[in-house]
């Protein structure tokens, strides 16, 4: 861009190149798919997770989408690395995304502005300290997610070099970093970039002069002075730099390519079993199988020793024997009248007030008595529940 003595208010300034915008778009799509298919695996019982699994056709389909999106993110990260190296080594563009001493000064100036000791915020250059911190967080997060994802994708290979504890540790780190990344994008990046300032430069590639004055005044001042214009690179020098850059780019691409192949195809952690139908002769025993016989009905005089005790032993001992479910033990006469956690279950002379009768009358109990058995128990209780 040429130096202008009287810039127009409608003048726009190039913020991002087409390649940078494509990288951002692909990274945005892959990150979104990773979040939508990864967080449901971390919280599989949440209603939203169940809905996503249903929409995608199951957890295995979600994992396939997750793995594919991870590969896409690694590829776009490779493109970004190659582009940055080209601008640094070939075009010799100044490094503008690394925090520097001026950023500490800008932090101090912003703090003074927020507490009312300064009339305006710091004058940012091409990138503010917040943008630089977010960029470094993106780099760290991508590396952490790639390494922990590789460990979980290839656990058998990992345990050949690391102890087994590395697998659950990687799972915990991967899930925690995923939650942190999603919250950072929603709360910090999306709000500050697309809502608070409605910055569309990553999609249009340009900023207006008013936006530059508000967000990057130091860079705008440099543009107006023409200080941003670098001298043209002689063709011979450019060619020499490109020849030195080319083998480095090939080596980096080869390392990434081998890593992707190793990541996606080296290890299979889930078996692919093909069931083969086989016709066999079924074994049929010669002797007929006897039908199980029901337990004999309890009968005898209407007292605990001869009727109620044996009846409870047959119908109730599984839950209310020595295990005393709910604190109720019906093994002996004394235990039965001691009751359980809900209180007395047998009230002598008052069958309707006995909790045992109320529960049995409702039906559906695990040790449900028949109508005749319940009627005799009620008669026994109304006769003051004799023991002998």
Protein backbone atom coordinates (compact mmCIF):
# COMPACT_ATOMS: atom_id res chain seq x y z
CA UNK A 1 0.00 0.00 0.00
CA UNK A 2 1.39 3.40 -1.00
CA UNK A 3 1.83 6.29 1.36
CA UNK A 4 -1.11 8.66 1.32
CA UNK A 5 -0.99 12.30 2.43
CA UNK A 6 -4.75 12.55 3.05
CA UNK A 7 -6.22 9.09 3.48
CA UNK A 8 -9.93 8.64 2.77
CA UNK A 9 -12.26 7.67 5.65
CA UNK A 10 -13.53 4.83 3.43
CA UNK A 11 -10.07 3.46 2.84
CA UNK A 12 -9.53 -0.19 3.81
CA UNK A 13 -6.36 -1.94 4.89
CA UNK A 14 -5.39 -5.53 4.24
CA UNK A 15 -5.35 -7.46 7.51
CA UNK A 16 -5.14 -11.10 6.42
CA UNK A 17 -4.14 -12.72 3.15
CA UNK A 18 -6.44 -15.23 1.37
CA UNK A 19 -4.25 -18.13 2.55
CA UNK A 20 -4.53 -16.98 6.17
CA UNK A 21 -8.29 -16.69 5.87
CA UNK A 22 -8.54 -20.18 4.38
CA UNK A 23 -6.45 -21.54 7.25
CA UNK A 24 -8.75 -19.85 9.77
CA UNK A 25 -11.89 -21.19 8.09
CA UNK A 26 -10.62 -24.78 7.90
CA UNK A 27 -9.34 -24.59 11.48
CA UNK A 28 -12.71 -23.22 12.60
CA UNK A 29 -14.62 -26.10 10.97
CA UNK A 30 -12.26 -28.80 12.28
CA UNK A 31 -12.27 -27.31 15.80
CA UNK A 32 -16.08 -27.18 15.83
CA UNK A 33 -16.37 -30.81 14.73
CA UNK A 34 -13.80 -31.86 17.31
CA UNK A 35 -15.78 -30.12 20.05
CA UNK A 36 -19.14 -31.51 18.91
CA UNK A 37 -17.82 -35.08 18.74
CA UNK A 38 -15.29 -34.97 21.58
CA UNK A 39 -17.20 -33.44 24.47
CA UNK A 40 -20.07 -35.97 24.12
CA UNK A 41 -17.48 -38.72 24.59
CA UNK A 42 -16.30 -37.01 27.78
CA UNK A 43 -19.89 -36.61 29.02
CA UNK A 44 -21.66 -39.55 27.32
CA UNK A 45 -24.76 -39.60 29.56
CA UNK A 46 -25.71 -35.95 29.06
CA UNK A 47 -28.94 -35.51 27.03
CA UNK A 48 -27.14 -33.38 24.43
CA UNK A 49 -24.46 -36.07 24.04
CA UNK A 50 -27.08 -38.78 23.52
CA UNK A 51 -28.73 -36.59 20.89
CA UNK A 52 -25.45 -36.08 19.02
CA UNK A 53 -24.68 -39.81 19.12
CA UNK A 54 -28.16 -40.55 17.77
CA UNK A 55 -27.75 -37.96 15.01
CA UNK A 56 -24.37 -39.38 13.93
CA UNK A 57 -25.45 -43.01 14.17
CA UNK A 58 -23.60 -44.04 17.32
CA UNK A 59 -20.43 -43.40 19.25
CA UNK A 60 -18.23 -45.15 16.69
CA UNK A 61 -19.38 -42.76 13.96
CA UNK A 62 -18.68 -39.85 16.31
CA UNK A 63 -15.16 -41.18 16.87
CA UNK A 64 -14.55 -41.46 13.13
CA UNK A 65 -15.64 -37.85 12.61
CA UNK A 66 -13.46 -36.85 15.57
CA UNK A 67 -10.40 -38.61 14.15
CA UNK A 68 -10.94 -37.15 10.67
CA UNK A 69 -11.30 -33.64 12.10
CA UNK A 70 -8.10 -34.14 14.10
CA UNK A 71 -6.22 -35.05 10.92
CA UNK A 72 -7.60 -31.95 9.17
CA UNK A 73 -6.46 -29.76 12.07
CA UNK A 74 -2.97 -31.26 11.92
CA UNK A 75 -2.81 -30.63 8.17
CA UNK A 76 -3.87 -26.99 8.51
CA UNK A 77 -1.32 -26.60 11.32
CA UNK A 78 1.35 -27.90 8.93
CA UNK A 79 0.29 -25.34 6.30
CA UNK A 80 0.48 -22.59 8.91
CA UNK A 81 3.98 -23.64 10.00
CA UNK A 82 5.22 -23.68 6.40
CA UNK A 83 3.67 -20.29 5.70
CA UNK A 84 5.17 -18.70 8.81
CA UNK A 85 8.61 -20.12 8.02
CA UNK A 86 8.36 -18.83 4.45
CA UNK A 87 7.54 -15.31 5.63
CA UNK A 88 10.34 -15.41 8.21
CA UNK A 89 13.11 -17.11 6.20
CA UNK A 90 12.34 -16.00 2.66
CA UNK A 91 10.43 -12.73 2.84
CA UNK A 92 12.13 -11.75 6.13
CA UNK A 93 8.86 -10.41 7.54
CA UNK A 94 9.28 -9.14 11.12
CA UNK A 95 7.94 -11.44 13.83
CA UNK A 96 4.75 -9.76 15.03
CA UNK A 97 2.96 -12.49 17.03
CA UNK A 98 5.59 -13.07 19.72
CA UNK A 99 5.18 -11.11 22.98
CA UNK A 100 7.86 -8.45 23.47
CA UNK A 101 8.85 -5.75 25.96
CA UNK A 102 6.39 -3.30 24.41
CA UNK A 103 3.55 -5.65 25.35
CA UNK A 104 4.42 -5.29 29.03
CA UNK A 105 4.25 -1.54 28.58
CA UNK A 106 0.84 -1.90 26.87
CA UNK A 107 -0.46 -4.02 29.76
CA UNK A 108 0.61 -1.33 32.23
CA UNK A 109 -1.00 1.43 30.13
CA UNK A 110 -4.27 -0.51 29.86
CA UNK A 111 -4.37 -1.11 33.60
CA UNK A 112 -3.88 2.62 34.17
CA UNK A 113 -6.70 3.31 31.74
CA UNK A 114 -9.07 0.87 33.45
CA UNK A 115 -8.48 2.39 36.89
CA UNK A 116 -8.96 5.91 35.56
CA UNK A 117 -5.33 7.05 35.62
CA UNK A 118 -5.01 7.33 31.84
CA UNK A 119 -7.29 8.88 29.21
CA UNK A 120 -6.88 6.22 26.51
CA UNK A 121 -5.79 2.64 26.13
CA UNK A 122 -2.40 1.59 24.81
CA UNK A 123 -1.56 2.12 21.16
CA UNK A 124 -1.39 -1.39 19.74
CA UNK A 125 0.63 -2.34 16.71
CA UNK A 126 -0.38 -5.09 14.32
CA UNK A 127 -1.30 -7.40 17.21
CA UNK A 128 -2.17 -6.56 20.81
CA UNK A 129 -0.78 -8.47 23.78
CA UNK A 130 -4.17 -10.19 24.18
CA UNK A 131 -4.07 -11.45 20.58
CA UNK A 132 -0.50 -12.66 21.06
CA UNK A 133 -1.42 -14.51 24.26
CA UNK A 134 -4.37 -16.14 22.51
CA UNK A 135 -2.15 -17.19 19.61
CA UNK A 136 0.40 -18.78 21.96
CA UNK A 137 -2.46 -20.52 23.81
CA UNK A 138 -3.65 -21.90 20.47
CA UNK A 139 -0.18 -23.27 19.73
CA UNK A 140 0.14 -24.85 23.17
CA UNK A 141 -3.39 -26.27 23.04
CA UNK A 142 -2.88 -27.80 19.60
CA UNK A 143 0.36 -29.46 20.66
CA UNK A 144 -1.15 -30.76 23.92
CA UNK A 145 -4.26 -32.10 22.18
CA UNK A 146 -2.21 -33.73 19.42
CA UNK A 147 0.14 -35.51 21.84
CA UNK A 148 -2.58 -36.72 24.22
CA UNK A 149 -4.79 -37.67 21.29
CA UNK A 150 -1.95 -39.73 19.81
CA UNK A 151 -1.53 -41.55 23.14
CA UNK A 152 -5.22 -42.43 23.30
CA UNK A 153 -5.34 -43.36 19.60
CA UNK A 154 -2.31 -45.65 19.95
CA UNK A 155 -2.33 -46.91 23.55
CA UNK A 156 -0.51 -50.19 22.85
CA UNK A 157 2.36 -48.45 21.11
CA UNK A 158 2.49 -45.81 23.84
CA UNK A 159 2.94 -48.40 26.59
CA UNK A 160 6.04 -49.71 24.84
CA UNK A 161 7.76 -46.45 25.77
CA UNK A 162 5.73 -45.05 28.68
CA UNK A 163 4.12 -46.64 31.75
CA UNK A 164 0.47 -47.62 31.56
CA UNK A 165 -0.52 -44.67 33.74
CA UNK A 166 0.16 -42.45 30.72
CA UNK A 167 -3.10 -43.59 29.08
CA UNK A 168 -5.58 -42.38 31.76
CA UNK A 169 -3.39 -39.32 32.33
CA UNK A 170 -3.60 -38.46 28.64
CA UNK A 171 -7.37 -38.98 28.70
CA UNK A 172 -7.77 -36.62 31.64
CA UNK A 173 -5.50 -33.99 30.07
CA UNK A 174 -7.19 -34.30 26.66
CA UNK A 175 -10.67 -33.85 28.10
CA UNK A 176 -9.66 -31.01 30.41
CA UNK A 177 -7.85 -29.13 27.65
CA UNK A 178 -10.88 -29.62 25.37
CA UNK A 179 -13.22 -28.02 27.90
CA UNK A 180 -10.73 -25.18 28.43
CA UNK A 181 -10.37 -24.59 24.69
CA UNK A 182 -14.11 -24.53 24.02
CA UNK A 183 -14.74 -22.14 26.91
CA UNK A 184 -11.86 -19.90 25.78
CA UNK A 185 -13.26 -19.70 22.26
CA UNK A 186 -16.82 -18.97 23.42
CA UNK A 187 -16.10 -16.66 26.35
CA UNK A 188 -12.92 -14.89 25.21
CA UNK A 189 -12.31 -15.11 21.48
CA UNK A 190 -15.83 -15.11 20.09
CA UNK A 191 -17.03 -12.35 22.42
CA UNK A 192 -14.06 -9.99 22.12
CA UNK A 193 -13.52 -10.44 18.40
CA UNK A 194 -16.94 -11.01 16.85
CA UNK A 195 -19.43 -9.55 19.34
CA UNK A 196 -17.76 -6.71 21.24
CA UNK A 197 -16.05 -5.22 18.16
CA UNK A 198 -17.75 -7.19 15.36
CA UNK A 199 -14.38 -7.71 13.69
CA UNK A 200 -14.98 -9.37 10.31
CA UNK A 201 -11.42 -9.06 8.99
CA UNK A 202 -10.73 -12.80 9.22
CA UNK A 203 -13.55 -13.32 6.71
CA UNK A 204 -13.22 -10.20 4.54
CA UNK A 205 -9.45 -9.82 4.93
CA UNK A 206 -9.70 -6.06 5.51
CA UNK A 207 -10.26 -3.43 8.20
CA UNK A 208 -11.66 0.07 7.71
CA UNK A 209 -9.67 3.13 8.73
CA UNK A 210 -11.99 3.70 11.70
CA UNK A 211 -11.40 0.12 12.87
CA UNK A 212 -7.65 0.56 12.48
CA UNK A 213 -7.72 3.80 14.48
CA UNK A 214 -9.62 2.05 17.27
CA UNK A 215 -7.85 -1.32 17.40
CA UNK A 216 -4.38 -0.85 15.84
CA UNK A 217 -3.46 2.84 15.93
CA UNK A 218 0.30 2.27 16.05
CA UNK A 219 0.19 0.12 12.92
CA UNK A 220 -1.99 2.70 11.16
CA UNK A 221 0.50 5.44 12.02
CA UNK A 222 3.31 3.33 10.55
CA UNK A 223 1.29 2.78 7.39
CA UNK A 224 0.60 6.50 7.05
CA UNK A 225 4.34 7.19 7.42
CA UNK A 226 5.16 4.45 4.91
CA UNK A 227 7.34 2.74 7.51
CA UNK A 228 5.63 -0.57 6.85
CA UNK A 229 6.94 -0.78 3.31
CA UNK A 230 9.92 -3.13 3.08
CA UNK A 231 12.43 -2.67 0.27
CA UNK A 232 11.92 -5.08 -2.64
CA UNK A 233 13.94 -8.31 -2.53
CA UNK A 234 16.30 -8.76 -5.49
CA UNK A 235 15.22 -11.77 -7.60
CA UNK A 236 18.57 -13.53 -7.12
CA UNK A 237 18.39 -13.16 -3.33
CA UNK A 238 14.76 -14.33 -3.30
CA UNK A 239 15.66 -17.38 -5.39
CA UNK A 240 18.54 -18.28 -3.09
CA UNK A 241 16.35 -18.03 -0.01
CA UNK A 242 13.68 -20.17 -1.64
CA UNK A 243 16.24 -22.85 -2.48
CA UNK A 244 17.36 -22.92 1.15
CA UNK A 245 13.76 -23.00 2.36
CA UNK A 246 12.64 -25.83 0.06
CA UNK A 247 14.52 -28.74 1.70
CA UNK A 248 13.41 -27.56 5.15
CA UNK A 249 9.80 -27.51 3.99
CA UNK A 250 10.17 -31.00 2.48
CA UNK A 251 11.63 -32.39 5.72
CA UNK A 252 8.87 -30.84 7.85
CA UNK A 253 6.19 -32.10 5.46
CA UNK A 254 7.69 -35.60 5.49
CA UNK A 255 7.75 -35.68 9.29
CA UNK A 256 4.14 -34.58 9.47
CA UNK A 257 3.12 -37.04 6.76
CA UNK A 258 4.78 -39.96 8.50
CA UNK A 259 3.23 -38.91 11.82
CA UNK A 260 -0.23 -38.79 10.27
CA UNK A 261 0.23 -42.23 8.72
CA UNK A 262 1.50 -43.60 12.00
CA UNK A 263 -1.33 -41.96 13.90
CA UNK A 264 -4.19 -43.05 11.67
CA UNK A 265 -3.14 -46.46 10.39
CA UNK A 266 -0.46 -48.04 12.55
CA UNK A 267 -2.54 -49.44 15.39
CA UNK A 268 -6.03 -50.92 15.52
CA UNK A 269 -7.42 -50.89 19.03
CA UNK A 270 -10.89 -52.22 18.25
CA UNK A 271 -11.27 -55.74 16.77
CA UNK A 272 -12.98 -56.22 13.43
CA UNK A 273 -14.48 -59.69 13.84
CA UNK A 274 -16.40 -61.33 11.00
CA UNK A 275 -18.91 -63.82 12.31
CA UNK A 276 -18.97 -66.99 10.18
CA UNK A 277 -22.13 -69.05 10.29
CA UNK A 278 -21.61 -72.73 11.01
CA UNK A 279 -24.24 -75.47 10.88
CA UNK A 280 -23.88 -77.93 13.75
CA UNK A 281 -25.98 -80.72 15.21
CA UNK A 282 -27.63 -79.59 18.41
CA UNK A 283 -27.20 -81.81 21.47
CA UNK A 284 -30.49 -83.18 22.71
CA UNK A 285 -30.40 -85.21 25.98
CA UNK A 286 -32.03 -88.62 25.87
CA UNK A 287 -33.54 -88.33 29.33
CA UNK A 288 -36.40 -85.89 29.69
CA UNK A 289 -35.85 -82.79 31.78
CA UNK A 290 -37.96 -82.66 34.94
CA UNK A 291 -40.03 -79.57 35.54
CA UNK A 292 -39.03 -77.74 38.73
CA UNK A 293 -41.43 -78.35 41.56
CA UNK A 294 -42.90 -75.55 43.59
CA UNK A 295 -42.10 -75.27 47.28
CA UNK A 296 -44.65 -77.12 49.43
CA UNK A 297 -47.31 -74.94 50.99
CA UNK A 298 -46.85 -74.16 54.66
CA UNK A 299 -49.60 -75.41 56.91
CA UNK A 300 -50.12 -75.97 60.61
CA UNK A 301 -51.67 -74.39 63.71
CA UNK A 302 -52.00 -70.62 63.56
CA UNK A 303 -48.94 -69.61 65.61
CA UNK A 304 -45.33 -68.50 64.91
CA UNK A 305 -43.61 -71.86 65.42
CA UNK A 306 -45.94 -73.95 63.28
CA UNK A 307 -47.06 -71.53 60.51
CA UNK A 308 -45.86 -67.92 60.43
CA UNK A 309 -42.17 -68.60 61.13
CA UNK A 310 -41.82 -71.34 58.44
CA UNK A 311 -43.84 -69.17 56.01
CA UNK A 312 -41.54 -66.17 56.48
CA UNK A 313 -38.51 -68.44 56.18
CA UNK A 314 -39.77 -69.64 52.81
CA UNK A 315 -40.99 -66.33 51.37
CA UNK A 316 -39.01 -63.58 53.13
CA UNK A 317 -35.65 -64.96 54.28
CA UNK A 318 -33.85 -64.05 51.05
CA UNK A 319 -34.08 -60.35 51.93
CA UNK A 320 -35.14 -60.26 55.55
CA UNK A 321 -33.07 -63.10 56.97
CA UNK A 322 -29.52 -62.67 58.19
CA UNK A 323 -28.95 -59.91 55.61
CA UNK A 324 -31.74 -57.88 57.32
CA UNK A 325 -32.57 -55.64 54.36
CA UNK A 326 -33.93 -52.34 55.64
CA UNK A 327 -32.97 -53.40 59.15
CA UNK A 328 -35.76 -56.00 59.23
CA UNK A 329 -34.96 -59.59 60.24
CA UNK A 330 -37.83 -62.11 60.18
CA UNK A 331 -35.75 -65.14 61.16
CA UNK A 332 -37.08 -65.35 64.74
CA UNK A 333 -40.15 -64.27 66.63
CA UNK A 334 -38.17 -61.73 68.65
CA UNK A 335 -36.48 -60.27 65.56
CA UNK A 336 -39.81 -59.92 63.79
CA UNK A 337 -41.34 -57.92 66.65
CA UNK A 338 -38.16 -55.80 66.89
CA UNK A 339 -39.12 -54.31 63.51
CA UNK A 340 -36.86 -52.57 61.04
CA UNK A 341 -35.65 -49.13 59.95
CA UNK A 342 -39.25 -48.07 59.20
CA UNK A 343 -40.50 -49.07 62.64
CA UNK A 344 -42.72 -51.92 63.90
CA UNK A 345 -43.96 -54.18 61.12
CA UNK A 346 -46.21 -56.39 63.30
CA UNK A 347 -48.63 -54.86 65.82
CA UNK A 348 -50.24 -57.65 67.83
CA UNK A 349 -54.03 -57.49 67.70
CA UNK A 350 -54.02 -54.77 64.99
CA UNK A 351 -53.47 -56.24 61.53
CA UNK A 352 -54.54 -53.06 59.71
CA UNK A 353 -51.88 -51.06 61.60
CA UNK A 354 -49.13 -53.59 60.84
CA UNK A 355 -46.72 -52.35 58.17
CA UNK A 356 -46.15 -55.94 57.00
CA UNK A 357 -49.86 -56.31 56.15
CA UNK A 358 -49.97 -52.89 54.41
CA UNK A 359 -47.01 -53.73 52.16
CA UNK A 360 -48.28 -57.21 51.32
CA UNK A 361 -51.81 -55.94 50.63
CA UNK A 362 -50.44 -53.47 48.08
CA UNK A 363 -49.05 -56.39 46.04
CA UNK A 364 -45.98 -56.68 43.85
CA UNK A 365 -43.63 -57.33 46.75
CA UNK A 366 -40.48 -59.40 46.14
CA UNK A 367 -41.65 -62.03 48.67
CA UNK A 368 -45.34 -61.68 47.90
CA UNK A 369 -47.68 -63.90 49.93
CA UNK A 370 -50.67 -65.58 48.33
CA UNK A 371 -54.15 -64.40 49.25
CA UNK A 372 -54.74 -67.38 51.52
CA UNK A 373 -51.33 -66.97 53.21
CA UNK A 374 -51.90 -63.26 53.78
CA UNK A 375 -55.38 -63.94 55.16
CA UNK A 376 -53.98 -66.43 57.70
CA UNK A 377 -51.19 -63.97 58.70
CA UNK A 378 -53.84 -61.27 59.26
CA UNK A 379 -55.88 -63.70 61.37
CA UNK A 380 -52.73 -64.60 63.35
CA UNK A 381 -51.94 -60.93 64.08
CA UNK A 382 -55.56 -60.19 65.11
CA UNK A 383 -55.32 -63.15 67.52
CA UNK A 384 -52.47 -61.27 69.28
CA UNK A 385 -49.79 -63.10 67.20
CA UNK A 386 -49.04 -66.09 69.48
CA UNK A 387 -45.58 -67.61 69.33
CA UNK A 388 -46.51 -71.22 70.32
